[in-house]
Amino acid sequence: MTLNIQTHENDALLLPIQALPGSRRNGIIGEHDGHLKVAVTQVPEKGKANKAIIKLLSKELQLSKSQLMIVSGETNSRKKLRITGISSEQLLERLKKFLNR
């Protein structure tokens, strides 16, 4: 697993995401080029896919939606997600089950 997780101000983490909007189903589907691949069924219009990504990751990573925020790439498939209230070790531990399939 080679996700490019960075530390950010105030003990937050930056997680690079490769969004796959308009997919057949929602889910974390792996890692590519240091980015977490996240598939959502929502289309990329008016922020619908971004909201679906936050909802999905909040559920799968057992975090509240307020702990997650897209800080760059809102209109791009490559995004940076700011995550608070969790260490990089805890985040990697929660992601293991999705990345070791």
C-alpha atoms as a PDB file:
ATOM      1  CA  MET A   1       0.000   0.000   0.000  1.00  0.00           C
ATOM      2  CA  THR A   2       1.597   3.224  -1.106  1.00  0.00           C
ATOM      3  CA  LEU A   3      -0.950   5.938  -0.476  1.00  0.00           C
ATOM      4  CA  ASN A   4       0.584   9.390  -0.455  1.00  0.00           C
ATOM      5  CA  ILE A   5      -0.915  10.556   2.862  1.00  0.00           C
ATOM      6  CA  GLN A   6       0.487  13.887   4.031  1.00  0.00           C
ATOM      7  CA  THR A   7       0.214  15.671   7.351  1.00  0.00           C
ATOM      8  CA  HIS A   8      -1.526  19.037   7.230  1.00  0.00           C
ATOM      9  CA  GLU A   9      -2.030  21.921   9.638  1.00  0.00           C
ATOM     10  CA  ASN A  10      -3.564  21.248  13.065  1.00  0.00           C
ATOM     11  CA  ASP A  11      -2.809  17.496  12.938  1.00  0.00           C
ATOM     12  CA  ALA A  12      -5.029  16.956   9.907  1.00  0.00           C
ATOM     13  CA  LEU A  13      -4.184  14.534   7.101  1.00  0.00           C
ATOM     14  CA  LEU A  14      -4.369  15.036   3.340  1.00  0.00           C
ATOM     15  CA  LEU A  15      -5.448  11.955   1.423  1.00  0.00           C
ATOM     16  CA  PRO A  16      -5.224  12.010  -2.388  1.00  0.00           C
ATOM     17  CA  ILE A  17      -8.281  10.519  -4.074  1.00  0.00           C
ATOM     18  CA  GLN A  18      -8.973   9.316  -7.601  1.00  0.00           C
ATOM     19  CA  ALA A  19     -12.738   9.731  -8.001  1.00  0.00           C
ATOM     20  CA  LEU A  20     -14.682   7.444 -10.326  1.00  0.00           C
ATOM     21  CA  PRO A  21     -18.124   9.109 -10.583  1.00  0.00           C
ATOM     22  CA  GLY A  22     -20.956   7.459 -12.477  1.00  0.00           C
ATOM     23  CA  SER A  23     -19.801   3.964 -11.496  1.00  0.00           C
ATOM     24  CA  ARG A  24     -22.100   0.959 -11.169  1.00  0.00           C
ATOM     25  CA  ARG A  25     -21.718   0.840  -7.388  1.00  0.00           C
ATOM     26  CA  ASN A  26     -20.254   2.805  -4.514  1.00  0.00           C
ATOM     27  CA  GLY A  27     -17.055   1.669  -2.884  1.00  0.00           C
ATOM     28  CA  ILE A  28     -13.370   2.021  -2.167  1.00  0.00           C
ATOM     29  CA  ILE A  29     -11.868  -0.035  -4.954  1.00  0.00           C
ATOM     30  CA  GLY A  30      -8.141   0.199  -4.386  1.00  0.00           C
ATOM     31  CA  GLU A  31      -5.115   2.374  -4.846  1.00  0.00           C
ATOM     32  CA  HIS A  32      -3.396   3.749  -7.939  1.00  0.00           C
ATOM     33  CA  ASP A  33      -0.390   6.037  -8.217  1.00  0.00           C
ATOM     34  CA  GLY A  34      -0.605   7.026  -4.529  1.00  0.00           C
ATOM     35  CA  HIS A  35      -4.314   7.885  -4.762  1.00  0.00           C
ATOM     36  CA  LEU A  36      -7.212   6.076  -3.082  1.00  0.00           C
ATOM     37  CA  LYS A  37      -9.673   5.009  -5.809  1.00  0.00           C
ATOM     38  CA  VAL A  38     -13.251   5.774  -4.790  1.00  0.00           C
ATOM     39  CA  ALA A  39     -16.209   4.828  -6.993  1.00  0.00           C
ATOM     40  CA  VAL A  40     -19.605   6.483  -6.602  1.00  0.00           C
ATOM     41  CA  THR A  41     -22.794   6.105  -8.609  1.00  0.00           C
ATOM     42  CA  GLN A  42     -23.529   9.837  -8.555  1.00  0.00           C
ATOM     43  CA  VAL A  43     -22.679  11.876 -11.632  1.00  0.00           C
ATOM     44  CA  PRO A  44     -20.142  14.701 -11.427  1.00  0.00           C
ATOM     45  CA  GLU A  45     -22.555  17.620 -11.612  1.00  0.00           C
ATOM     46  CA  LYS A  46     -23.355  20.298  -9.048  1.00  0.00           C
ATOM     47  CA  GLY A  47     -21.184  18.602  -6.425  1.00  0.00           C
ATOM     48  CA  LYS A  48     -23.287  15.428  -6.275  1.00  0.00           C
ATOM     49  CA  ALA A  49     -20.306  13.088  -6.701  1.00  0.00           C
ATOM     50  CA  ASN A  50     -18.261  15.006  -4.103  1.00  0.00           C
ATOM     51  CA  LYS A  51     -21.082  14.699  -1.562  1.00  0.00           C
ATOM     52  CA  ALA A  52     -21.364  10.982  -2.320  1.00  0.00           C
ATOM     53  CA  ILE A  53     -17.598  10.553  -1.803  1.00  0.00           C
ATOM     54  CA  ILE A  54     -17.763  12.262   1.606  1.00  0.00           C
ATOM     55  CA  LYS A  55     -20.781  10.157   2.614  1.00  0.00           C
ATOM     56  CA  LEU A  56     -19.146   6.907   1.490  1.00  0.00           C
ATOM     57  CA  LEU A  57     -15.781   7.586   3.123  1.00  0.00           C
ATOM     58  CA  SER A  58     -17.410   8.761   6.334  1.00  0.00           C
ATOM     59  CA  LYS A  59     -19.300   5.461   6.565  1.00  0.00           C
ATOM     60  CA  GLU A  60     -16.438   3.183   5.507  1.00  0.00           C
ATOM     61  CA  LEU A  61     -13.775   4.894   7.638  1.00  0.00           C
ATOM     62  CA  GLN A  62     -16.110   5.266  10.639  1.00  0.00           C
ATOM     63  CA  LEU A  63     -15.677   9.046  10.759  1.00  0.00           C
ATOM     64  CA  SER A  64     -18.219  11.839  10.923  1.00  0.00           C
ATOM     65  CA  LYS A  65     -18.841  13.830   7.756  1.00  0.00           C
ATOM     66  CA  SER A  66     -17.546  16.938   9.549  1.00  0.00           C
ATOM     67  CA  GLN A  67     -14.115  15.265   9.808  1.00  0.00           C
ATOM     68  CA  LEU A  68     -13.843  15.095   6.007  1.00  0.00           C
ATOM     69  CA  MET A  69     -13.496  17.967   3.535  1.00  0.00           C
ATOM     70  CA  ILE A  70     -12.411  18.125  -0.090  1.00  0.00           C
ATOM     71  CA  VAL A  71      -9.766  20.869  -0.169  1.00  0.00           C
ATOM     72  CA  SER A  72      -8.699  20.683  -3.816  1.00  0.00           C
ATOM     73  CA  GLY A  73      -9.896  19.169  -7.057  1.00  0.00           C
ATOM     74  CA  GLU A  74     -13.620  19.763  -6.555  1.00  0.00           C
ATOM     75  CA  THR A  75     -14.183  19.728 -10.322  1.00  0.00           C
ATOM     76  CA  ASN A  76     -11.418  17.231 -11.095  1.00  0.00           C
ATOM     77  CA  SER A  77     -11.274  13.455 -10.731  1.00  0.00           C
ATOM     78  CA  ARG A  78      -8.080  13.827  -8.645  1.00  0.00           C
ATOM     79  CA  LYS A  79      -8.904  15.362  -5.298  1.00  0.00           C
ATOM     80  CA  LYS A  80      -7.296  16.038  -1.925  1.00  0.00           C
ATOM     81  CA  LEU A  81      -9.364  15.111   1.106  1.00  0.00           C
ATOM     82  CA  ARG A  82      -8.607  16.736   4.469  1.00  0.00           C
ATOM     83  CA  ILE A  83      -9.235  14.373   7.386  1.00  0.00           C
ATOM     84  CA  THR A  84      -9.198  15.393  11.046  1.00  0.00           C
ATOM     85  CA  GLY A  85      -9.362  13.483  14.320  1.00  0.00           C
ATOM     86  CA  ILE A  86      -7.412  10.411  13.204  1.00  0.00           C
ATOM     87  CA  SER A  87      -3.738   9.518  12.911  1.00  0.00           C
ATOM     88  CA  SER A  88      -2.194   8.306   9.669  1.00  0.00           C
ATOM     89  CA  GLU A  89      -1.621   4.908  11.316  1.00  0.00           C
ATOM     90  CA  GLN A  90      -5.306   4.627  12.257  1.00  0.00           C
ATOM     91  CA  LEU A  91      -6.354   5.711   8.766  1.00  0.00           C
ATOM     92  CA  LEU A  92      -4.109   3.124   7.111  1.00  0.00           C
ATOM     93  CA  GLU A  93      -5.415   0.440   9.464  1.00  0.00           C
ATOM     94  CA  ARG A  94      -9.018   1.253   8.483  1.00  0.00           C
ATOM     95  CA  LEU A  95      -8.123   1.267   4.790  1.00  0.00           C
ATOM     96  CA  LYS A  96      -6.307  -2.097   4.886  1.00  0.00           C
ATOM     97  CA  LYS A  97      -9.466  -4.146   4.388  1.00  0.00           C
ATOM     98  CA  PHE A  98     -10.200  -2.278   1.161  1.00  0.00           C
ATOM     99  CA  LEU A  99      -6.676  -2.302  -0.214  1.00  0.00           C
ATOM    100  CA  ASN A 100      -5.715  -5.915   0.542  1.00  0.00           C
ATOM    101  CA  ARG A 101      -8.402  -7.546  -1.588  1.00  0.00           C
END
